[in-house]
Amino acid sequence: MAEPVTVSIADLRAALVRTLDATEKRLGPEVTLDMDYYWHLPVEEAFNMAGEPQTFTVGQVSDDLAEAVHNEHERLPEEASHDLSHLVGVFRALEFAARS
């Protein structure tokens, strides 16, 4: 088993800001995403190295944006995983757009 990895939220936040700044320089302040649906691998399977993933689901970028970005409800700490899951979909769509 691999050694645990510690991540600094402050360092991650700074890296995210740098990455979003670079993405904005490449794609502009608003990005039109030409795709909506994508394959999503549940996080439990993504980190289980004991076998190949067996379950794929479908994610939707428009739903991810509605849930994590446009929904301005109070963010409770125990709900962080829900928003992180939605943000992953948005970031993957941005990654796809930046590669084009």
Protein backbone atom coordinates (compact mmCIF):
# COMPACT_ATOMS: atom_id res chain seq x y z
CA MET A 1 0.00 0.00 0.00
CA ALA A 2 1.26 3.47 -0.86
CA GLU A 3 2.18 6.04 1.74
CA PRO A 4 -0.54 8.60 2.52
CA VAL A 5 -0.24 11.91 0.69
CA THR A 6 -0.95 15.18 2.49
CA VAL A 7 -2.39 18.05 0.50
CA SER A 8 -2.47 21.65 1.66
CA ILE A 9 -5.83 23.24 0.83
CA ALA A 10 -4.06 26.62 0.57
CA ASP A 11 -1.55 25.22 -1.94
CA LEU A 12 -4.34 23.55 -3.89
CA ARG A 13 -6.34 26.80 -3.92
CA ALA A 14 -3.29 28.70 -5.25
CA ALA A 15 -2.69 26.07 -7.95
CA LEU A 16 -6.35 26.26 -8.95
CA VAL A 17 -6.21 30.05 -9.26
CA ARG A 18 -3.06 29.81 -11.42
CA THR A 19 -4.69 27.18 -13.60
CA LEU A 20 -7.94 29.11 -13.99
CA ASP A 21 -5.98 32.27 -14.84
CA ALA A 22 -4.08 30.40 -17.56
CA THR A 23 -7.30 28.83 -18.84
CA GLU A 24 -8.93 32.26 -19.01
CA LYS A 25 -5.97 33.59 -21.03
CA ARG A 26 -6.33 30.70 -23.46
CA LEU A 27 -10.12 30.46 -23.74
CA GLY A 28 -11.42 33.82 -22.53
CA PRO A 29 -13.49 34.85 -19.50
CA GLU A 30 -16.49 32.74 -20.58
CA VAL A 31 -16.21 29.36 -22.27
CA THR A 32 -18.90 27.75 -24.37
CA LEU A 33 -18.73 24.02 -23.78
CA ASP A 34 -19.89 22.01 -26.78
CA MET A 35 -20.53 18.89 -24.74
CA ASP A 36 -22.93 18.19 -21.89
CA TYR A 37 -22.85 14.46 -21.08
CA TYR A 38 -19.73 12.55 -20.07
CA TRP A 39 -18.72 9.23 -18.60
CA HIS A 40 -18.23 9.35 -14.85
CA LEU A 41 -16.36 6.77 -12.82
CA PRO A 42 -17.62 6.65 -9.22
CA VAL A 43 -14.88 7.78 -6.83
CA GLU A 44 -15.02 4.54 -4.84
CA GLU A 45 -14.03 2.62 -7.95
CA ALA A 46 -11.47 5.18 -9.12
CA PHE A 47 -9.34 4.60 -6.03
CA ASN A 48 -9.84 0.85 -5.69
CA MET A 49 -6.72 -0.65 -7.27
CA ALA A 50 -7.76 -4.21 -6.34
CA GLY A 51 -9.59 -4.63 -9.65
CA GLU A 52 -10.77 -2.91 -12.80
CA PRO A 53 -13.72 -0.56 -12.44
CA GLN A 54 -17.04 -2.20 -13.26
CA THR A 55 -19.39 0.75 -12.94
CA PHE A 56 -19.62 3.80 -15.15
CA THR A 57 -22.34 6.36 -14.86
CA VAL A 58 -23.22 9.42 -16.90
CA GLY A 59 -22.53 12.94 -15.68
CA GLN A 60 -23.96 16.15 -17.09
CA VAL A 61 -21.99 19.41 -17.25
CA SER A 62 -25.13 21.57 -17.18
CA ASP A 63 -26.25 19.79 -14.00
CA ASP A 64 -22.77 20.15 -12.51
CA LEU A 65 -22.83 23.89 -13.18
CA ALA A 66 -26.32 24.24 -11.72
CA GLU A 67 -25.40 22.34 -8.56
CA ALA A 68 -21.89 23.57 -7.80
CA VAL A 69 -21.64 27.00 -9.40
CA HIS A 70 -25.05 28.57 -9.87
CA ASN A 71 -26.70 27.15 -6.75
CA GLU A 72 -25.82 29.70 -4.09
CA HIS A 73 -27.03 27.70 -1.10
CA GLU A 74 -24.94 27.74 2.04
CA ARG A 75 -22.11 25.23 1.73
CA LEU A 76 -22.00 22.93 4.72
CA PRO A 77 -18.71 21.13 5.42
CA GLU A 78 -20.41 17.72 5.37
CA GLU A 79 -21.66 18.44 1.82
CA ALA A 80 -18.22 19.21 0.37
CA SER A 81 -17.93 15.87 -1.41
CA HIS A 82 -21.14 16.59 -3.34
CA ASP A 83 -19.86 19.92 -4.68
CA LEU A 84 -16.38 18.50 -5.36
CA SER A 85 -17.97 15.75 -7.46
CA HIS A 86 -19.83 18.32 -9.56
CA LEU A 87 -16.77 20.55 -9.94
CA VAL A 88 -14.78 17.59 -11.27
CA GLY A 89 -17.23 17.34 -14.17
CA VAL A 90 -16.90 21.04 -14.95
CA PHE A 91 -13.10 20.89 -14.77
CA ARG A 92 -13.00 17.86 -17.08
CA ALA A 93 -15.13 19.75 -19.62
CA LEU A 94 -12.76 22.73 -19.37
CA GLU A 95 -9.81 20.38 -19.81
CA PHE A 96 -11.45 19.00 -22.97
CA ALA A 97 -12.09 22.52 -24.30
CA ALA A 98 -8.52 23.64 -23.55
CA ARG A 99 -7.12 20.68 -25.51
CA SER A 100 -9.08 21.62 -28.64
